[in-house]
């Protein structure tokens, strides 16, 4: 997150950027974070520059899901959809959070509001309970401000950032 990425945004959007930056900086082991809308679109990311990095590194080793915030958003959206479907089939109510433990890392998905999701990719060394606790704090603080208007503003700011990048302009 850079100061320029929040220029021209509403105070609610800037606060959400700050909360996300704070989550990443304060919790050891978090590699990347994505906030995804109910329709699977990336709204906010801890590492917006990694999309360009992923395109430029070719076959070089990367950290995170393919090194791209968009890939993390896709994974979070898919897992969110899968777990919602499973909960409906099992008549178990709403899904609150999902955790996937892997040999080389962890993935956490937590519902925010109106189908929006918070996804966190953590390192293998991260303390899963600490990550889950801080995600719950983020969700508690962000849930009431993540209105349809704010989601629209965040999506538009991401689209304008992509259009302003050299790769975005070439698309």
C-alpha atoms as a PDB file:
ATOM      1  CA  UNK A   1       0.000   0.000   0.000  1.00  0.00           C
ATOM      2  CA  UNK A   2       1.382   3.323  -0.946  1.00  0.00           C
ATOM      3  CA  UNK A   3       0.048   6.759  -0.202  1.00  0.00           C
ATOM      4  CA  UNK A   4      -0.574   7.303  -3.904  1.00  0.00           C
ATOM      5  CA  UNK A   5      -2.871   4.257  -4.015  1.00  0.00           C
ATOM      6  CA  UNK A   6      -5.278   5.975  -1.602  1.00  0.00           C
ATOM      7  CA  UNK A   7      -5.144   9.429  -3.201  1.00  0.00           C
ATOM      8  CA  UNK A   8      -8.615  10.666  -4.102  1.00  0.00           C
ATOM      9  CA  UNK A   9     -10.447   7.966  -2.144  1.00  0.00           C
ATOM     10  CA  UNK A  10     -13.142   8.587   0.442  1.00  0.00           C
ATOM     11  CA  UNK A  11     -12.227   8.478   4.113  1.00  0.00           C
ATOM     12  CA  UNK A  12     -13.961   5.074   4.435  1.00  0.00           C
ATOM     13  CA  UNK A  13     -11.851   3.649   1.596  1.00  0.00           C
ATOM     14  CA  UNK A  14      -8.653   5.108   3.079  1.00  0.00           C
ATOM     15  CA  UNK A  15      -9.573   3.624   6.473  1.00  0.00           C
ATOM     16  CA  UNK A  16     -10.106   0.221   4.897  1.00  0.00           C
ATOM     17  CA  UNK A  17      -6.710   0.470   3.166  1.00  0.00           C
ATOM     18  CA  UNK A  18      -5.180   1.388   6.519  1.00  0.00           C
ATOM     19  CA  UNK A  19      -6.851  -1.581   8.258  1.00  0.00           C
ATOM     20  CA  UNK A  20      -5.539  -3.941   5.595  1.00  0.00           C
ATOM     21  CA  UNK A  21      -2.028  -2.512   5.755  1.00  0.00           C
ATOM     22  CA  UNK A  22      -2.127  -2.760   9.544  1.00  0.00           C
ATOM     23  CA  UNK A  23      -3.203  -6.414   9.356  1.00  0.00           C
ATOM     24  CA  UNK A  24      -0.273  -7.303   7.116  1.00  0.00           C
ATOM     25  CA  UNK A  25       2.292  -5.320   9.097  1.00  0.00           C
ATOM     26  CA  UNK A  26       1.221  -6.479  12.566  1.00  0.00           C
ATOM     27  CA  UNK A  27       0.709 -10.199  12.000  1.00  0.00           C
ATOM     28  CA  UNK A  28       3.869 -12.238  11.420  1.00  0.00           C
ATOM     29  CA  UNK A  29       3.685 -14.754   8.603  1.00  0.00           C
ATOM     30  CA  UNK A  30       1.034 -13.084   6.463  1.00  0.00           C
ATOM     31  CA  UNK A  31       2.213 -13.136   2.857  1.00  0.00           C
ATOM     32  CA  UNK A  32      -0.754 -11.557   1.109  1.00  0.00           C
ATOM     33  CA  UNK A  33      -4.316 -10.471   1.756  1.00  0.00           C
ATOM     34  CA  UNK A  34      -7.275  -9.921  -0.548  1.00  0.00           C
ATOM     35  CA  UNK A  35     -10.766  -8.569  -0.012  1.00  0.00           C
ATOM     36  CA  UNK A  36     -13.136 -10.043  -2.574  1.00  0.00           C
ATOM     37  CA  UNK A  37     -16.689  -9.017  -3.449  1.00  0.00           C
ATOM     38  CA  UNK A  38     -19.567 -11.493  -3.484  1.00  0.00           C
ATOM     39  CA  UNK A  39     -19.202 -11.811  -7.266  1.00  0.00           C
ATOM     40  CA  UNK A  40     -15.512 -12.722  -6.983  1.00  0.00           C
ATOM     41  CA  UNK A  41     -13.955  -9.390  -7.919  1.00  0.00           C
ATOM     42  CA  UNK A  42     -10.843  -8.188  -6.130  1.00  0.00           C
ATOM     43  CA  UNK A  43     -11.679  -5.067  -4.113  1.00  0.00           C
ATOM     44  CA  UNK A  44      -8.586  -4.540  -2.029  1.00  0.00           C
ATOM     45  CA  UNK A  45      -5.187  -6.164  -1.845  1.00  0.00           C
ATOM     46  CA  UNK A  46      -2.146  -5.955   0.373  1.00  0.00           C
ATOM     47  CA  UNK A  47       0.101  -6.218  -2.662  1.00  0.00           C
ATOM     48  CA  UNK A  48      -1.380  -4.498  -5.733  1.00  0.00           C
ATOM     49  CA  UNK A  49       2.050  -4.271  -7.407  1.00  0.00           C
ATOM     50  CA  UNK A  50       2.452  -8.060  -7.425  1.00  0.00           C
ATOM     51  CA  UNK A  51       0.132  -8.401 -10.421  1.00  0.00           C
ATOM     52  CA  UNK A  52       2.760  -6.655 -12.551  1.00  0.00           C
ATOM     53  CA  UNK A  53       5.556  -8.611 -10.831  1.00  0.00           C
ATOM     54  CA  UNK A  54       3.836 -11.903 -11.680  1.00  0.00           C
ATOM     55  CA  UNK A  55       3.633 -10.981 -15.359  1.00  0.00           C
ATOM     56  CA  UNK A  56       7.299  -9.928 -15.493  1.00  0.00           C
ATOM     57  CA  UNK A  57       8.987 -12.796 -13.622  1.00  0.00           C
ATOM     58  CA  UNK A  58       8.072 -15.503 -16.123  1.00  0.00           C
ATOM     59  CA  UNK A  59       9.086 -18.845 -14.660  1.00  0.00           C
ATOM     60  CA  UNK A  60      11.018 -17.493 -11.678  1.00  0.00           C
ATOM     61  CA  UNK A  61      10.057 -18.809  -8.239  1.00  0.00           C
ATOM     62  CA  UNK A  62       7.388 -16.736  -6.552  1.00  0.00           C
ATOM     63  CA  UNK A  63       5.824 -16.512  -3.121  1.00  0.00           C
ATOM     64  CA  UNK A  64       2.073 -16.611  -2.784  1.00  0.00           C
ATOM     65  CA  UNK A  65      -0.439 -17.935  -5.255  1.00  0.00           C
ATOM     66  CA  UNK A  66       1.377 -17.414  -8.557  1.00  0.00           C
ATOM     67  CA  UNK A  67       2.632 -14.129  -7.089  1.00  0.00           C
ATOM     68  CA  UNK A  68      -0.602 -12.390  -7.983  1.00  0.00           C
ATOM     69  CA  UNK A  69      -3.237 -10.706  -5.863  1.00  0.00           C
ATOM     70  CA  UNK A  70      -5.757 -11.528  -8.598  1.00  0.00           C
ATOM     71  CA  UNK A  71      -4.920 -15.234  -8.226  1.00  0.00           C
ATOM     72  CA  UNK A  72      -5.466 -15.036  -4.471  1.00  0.00           C
ATOM     73  CA  UNK A  73      -8.828 -13.367  -5.106  1.00  0.00           C
ATOM     74  CA  UNK A  74      -9.793 -16.181  -7.481  1.00  0.00           C
ATOM     75  CA  UNK A  75      -8.846 -18.849  -4.953  1.00  0.00           C
ATOM     76  CA  UNK A  76     -10.671 -17.052  -2.119  1.00  0.00           C
ATOM     77  CA  UNK A  77     -13.788 -16.641  -4.248  1.00  0.00           C
ATOM     78  CA  UNK A  78     -13.754 -20.306  -5.276  1.00  0.00           C
ATOM     79  CA  UNK A  79     -13.278 -21.592  -1.742  1.00  0.00           C
ATOM     80  CA  UNK A  80     -15.946 -19.214  -0.493  1.00  0.00           C
ATOM     81  CA  UNK A  81     -18.407 -20.461  -3.093  1.00  0.00           C
ATOM     82  CA  UNK A  82     -17.585 -24.103  -2.406  1.00  0.00           C
ATOM     83  CA  UNK A  83     -18.054 -23.777   1.339  1.00  0.00           C
ATOM     84  CA  UNK A  84     -21.324 -21.845   0.968  1.00  0.00           C
ATOM     85  CA  UNK A  85     -22.615 -24.644  -1.258  1.00  0.00           C
ATOM     86  CA  UNK A  86     -21.486 -27.266   1.249  1.00  0.00           C
ATOM     87  CA  UNK A  87     -23.192 -25.428   4.113  1.00  0.00           C
ATOM     88  CA  UNK A  88     -26.449 -25.248   2.130  1.00  0.00           C
ATOM     89  CA  UNK A  89     -26.317 -28.972   1.327  1.00  0.00           C
ATOM     90  CA  UNK A  90     -25.733 -29.738   4.988  1.00  0.00           C
ATOM     91  CA  UNK A  91     -28.350 -27.255   6.262  1.00  0.00           C
ATOM     92  CA  UNK A  92     -25.676 -25.820   8.534  1.00  0.00           C
ATOM     93  CA  UNK A  93     -26.257 -22.086   8.227  1.00  0.00           C
ATOM     94  CA  UNK A  94     -23.818 -19.415   7.106  1.00  0.00           C
ATOM     95  CA  UNK A  95     -20.109 -20.076   6.671  1.00  0.00           C
ATOM     96  CA  UNK A  96     -18.051 -17.962   9.066  1.00  0.00           C
ATOM     97  CA  UNK A  97     -14.510 -18.973   8.161  1.00  0.00           C
ATOM     98  CA  UNK A  98     -12.476 -21.600   6.356  1.00  0.00           C
ATOM     99  CA  UNK A  99      -8.880 -22.624   6.920  1.00  0.00           C
ATOM    100  CA  UNK A 100      -6.688 -24.728   4.640  1.00  0.00           C
ATOM    101  CA  UNK A 101      -3.396 -25.967   6.076  1.00  0.00           C
ATOM    102  CA  UNK A 102      -0.749 -26.969   3.508  1.00  0.00           C
ATOM    103  CA  UNK A 103       2.834 -28.176   3.785  1.00  0.00           C
ATOM    104  CA  UNK A 104       4.248 -24.802   2.748  1.00  0.00           C
ATOM    105  CA  UNK A 105       1.588 -22.384   3.991  1.00  0.00           C
ATOM    106  CA  UNK A 106      -1.972 -21.706   5.014  1.00  0.00           C
ATOM    107  CA  UNK A 107      -5.030 -20.119   3.494  1.00  0.00           C
ATOM    108  CA  UNK A 108      -7.712 -18.438   5.566  1.00  0.00           C
ATOM    109  CA  UNK A 109     -11.069 -17.233   4.245  1.00  0.00           C
ATOM    110  CA  UNK A 110     -13.505 -15.297   6.417  1.00  0.00           C
ATOM    111  CA  UNK A 111     -16.897 -13.792   5.582  1.00  0.00           C
ATOM    112  CA  UNK A 112     -17.088 -10.018   5.908  1.00  0.00           C
ATOM    113  CA  UNK A 113     -20.583  -8.914   4.887  1.00  0.00           C
ATOM    114  CA  UNK A 114     -23.080  -9.366   2.056  1.00  0.00           C
ATOM    115  CA  UNK A 115     -20.995 -12.194   0.606  1.00  0.00           C
ATOM    116  CA  UNK A 116     -17.702 -10.287   0.636  1.00  0.00           C
ATOM    117  CA  UNK A 117     -14.700 -12.282   1.810  1.00  0.00           C
ATOM    118  CA  UNK A 118     -11.335 -11.665   3.433  1.00  0.00           C
ATOM    119  CA  UNK A 119      -8.628 -14.048   2.257  1.00  0.00           C
ATOM    120  CA  UNK A 120      -5.190 -14.393   3.817  1.00  0.00           C
ATOM    121  CA  UNK A 121      -2.262 -16.437   2.540  1.00  0.00           C
ATOM    122  CA  UNK A 122       0.078 -17.216   5.416  1.00  0.00           C
ATOM    123  CA  UNK A 123       3.495 -18.806   5.569  1.00  0.00           C
ATOM    124  CA  UNK A 124       4.029 -22.287   6.977  1.00  0.00           C
ATOM    125  CA  UNK A 125       5.435 -20.696  10.146  1.00  0.00           C
ATOM    126  CA  UNK A 126       2.482 -18.401  10.869  1.00  0.00           C
ATOM    127  CA  UNK A 127       0.498 -18.920  14.047  1.00  0.00           C
ATOM    128  CA  UNK A 128      -2.938 -19.815  12.693  1.00  0.00           C
ATOM    129  CA  UNK A 129      -4.775 -18.713  15.827  1.00  0.00           C
ATOM    130  CA  UNK A 130      -3.122 -15.281  15.735  1.00  0.00           C
ATOM    131  CA  UNK A 131      -3.964 -14.870  12.036  1.00  0.00           C
ATOM    132  CA  UNK A 132      -7.586 -15.911  12.639  1.00  0.00           C
ATOM    133  CA  UNK A 133      -7.885 -13.526  15.597  1.00  0.00           C
ATOM    134  CA  UNK A 134      -6.585 -10.550  13.611  1.00  0.00           C
ATOM    135  CA  UNK A 135      -8.793 -11.450  10.656  1.00  0.00           C
ATOM    136  CA  UNK A 136     -11.802 -11.425  12.984  1.00  0.00           C
ATOM    137  CA  UNK A 137     -10.774  -7.969  14.211  1.00  0.00           C
ATOM    138  CA  UNK A 138     -10.487  -6.756  10.595  1.00  0.00           C
ATOM    139  CA  UNK A 139     -13.901  -8.203   9.728  1.00  0.00           C
ATOM    140  CA  UNK A 140     -15.455  -6.610  12.810  1.00  0.00           C
ATOM    141  CA  UNK A 141     -14.060  -3.218  11.903  1.00  0.00           C
ATOM    142  CA  UNK A 142     -14.581  -3.417   8.139  1.00  0.00           C
ATOM    143  CA  UNK A 143     -17.920  -5.203   7.944  1.00  0.00           C
ATOM    144  CA  UNK A 144     -20.126  -2.247   8.735  1.00  0.00           C
ATOM    145  CA  UNK A 145     -18.316   0.150   6.369  1.00  0.00           C
ATOM    146  CA  UNK A 146     -18.124  -2.191   3.366  1.00  0.00           C
ATOM    147  CA  UNK A 147     -21.286  -0.810   1.776  1.00  0.00           C
ATOM    148  CA  UNK A 148     -22.236  -1.290  -1.886  1.00  0.00           C
ATOM    149  CA  UNK A 149     -21.033   2.267  -2.537  1.00  0.00           C
ATOM    150  CA  UNK A 150     -17.633   1.577  -0.955  1.00  0.00           C
ATOM    151  CA  UNK A 151     -17.284  -1.714  -2.847  1.00  0.00           C
ATOM    152  CA  UNK A 152     -17.976   0.158  -6.082  1.00  0.00           C
ATOM    153  CA  UNK A 153     -15.420   2.847  -5.203  1.00  0.00           C
ATOM    154  CA  UNK A 154     -12.753   0.250  -4.360  1.00  0.00           C
ATOM    155  CA  UNK A 155     -13.388  -1.676  -7.573  1.00  0.00           C
ATOM    156  CA  UNK A 156     -13.160   1.508  -9.660  1.00  0.00           C
ATOM    157  CA  UNK A 157      -9.898   2.502  -7.954  1.00  0.00           C
ATOM    158  CA  UNK A 158      -8.392  -0.923  -8.741  1.00  0.00           C
ATOM    159  CA  UNK A 159      -9.505  -0.664 -12.372  1.00  0.00           C
ATOM    160  CA  UNK A 160      -7.973   2.807 -12.712  1.00  0.00           C
ATOM    161  CA  UNK A 161      -4.717   1.530 -11.128  1.00  0.00           C
ATOM    162  CA  UNK A 162      -4.624  -1.330 -13.666  1.00  0.00           C
ATOM    163  CA  UNK A 163      -5.316   1.051 -16.553  1.00  0.00           C
ATOM    164  CA  UNK A 164      -2.524   3.346 -15.367  1.00  0.00           C
ATOM    165  CA  UNK A 165       0.103   0.605 -15.300  1.00  0.00           C
ATOM    166  CA  UNK A 166       2.141  -0.086 -18.437  1.00  0.00           C
ATOM    167  CA  UNK A 167       0.608  -3.570 -18.759  1.00  0.00           C
ATOM    168  CA  UNK A 168      -2.908  -2.283 -18.045  1.00  0.00           C
ATOM    169  CA  UNK A 169      -2.639   0.364 -20.715  1.00  0.00           C
ATOM    170  CA  UNK A 170      -1.556  -2.224 -23.265  1.00  0.00           C
ATOM    171  CA  UNK A 171      -4.624  -4.440 -22.727  1.00  0.00           C
END
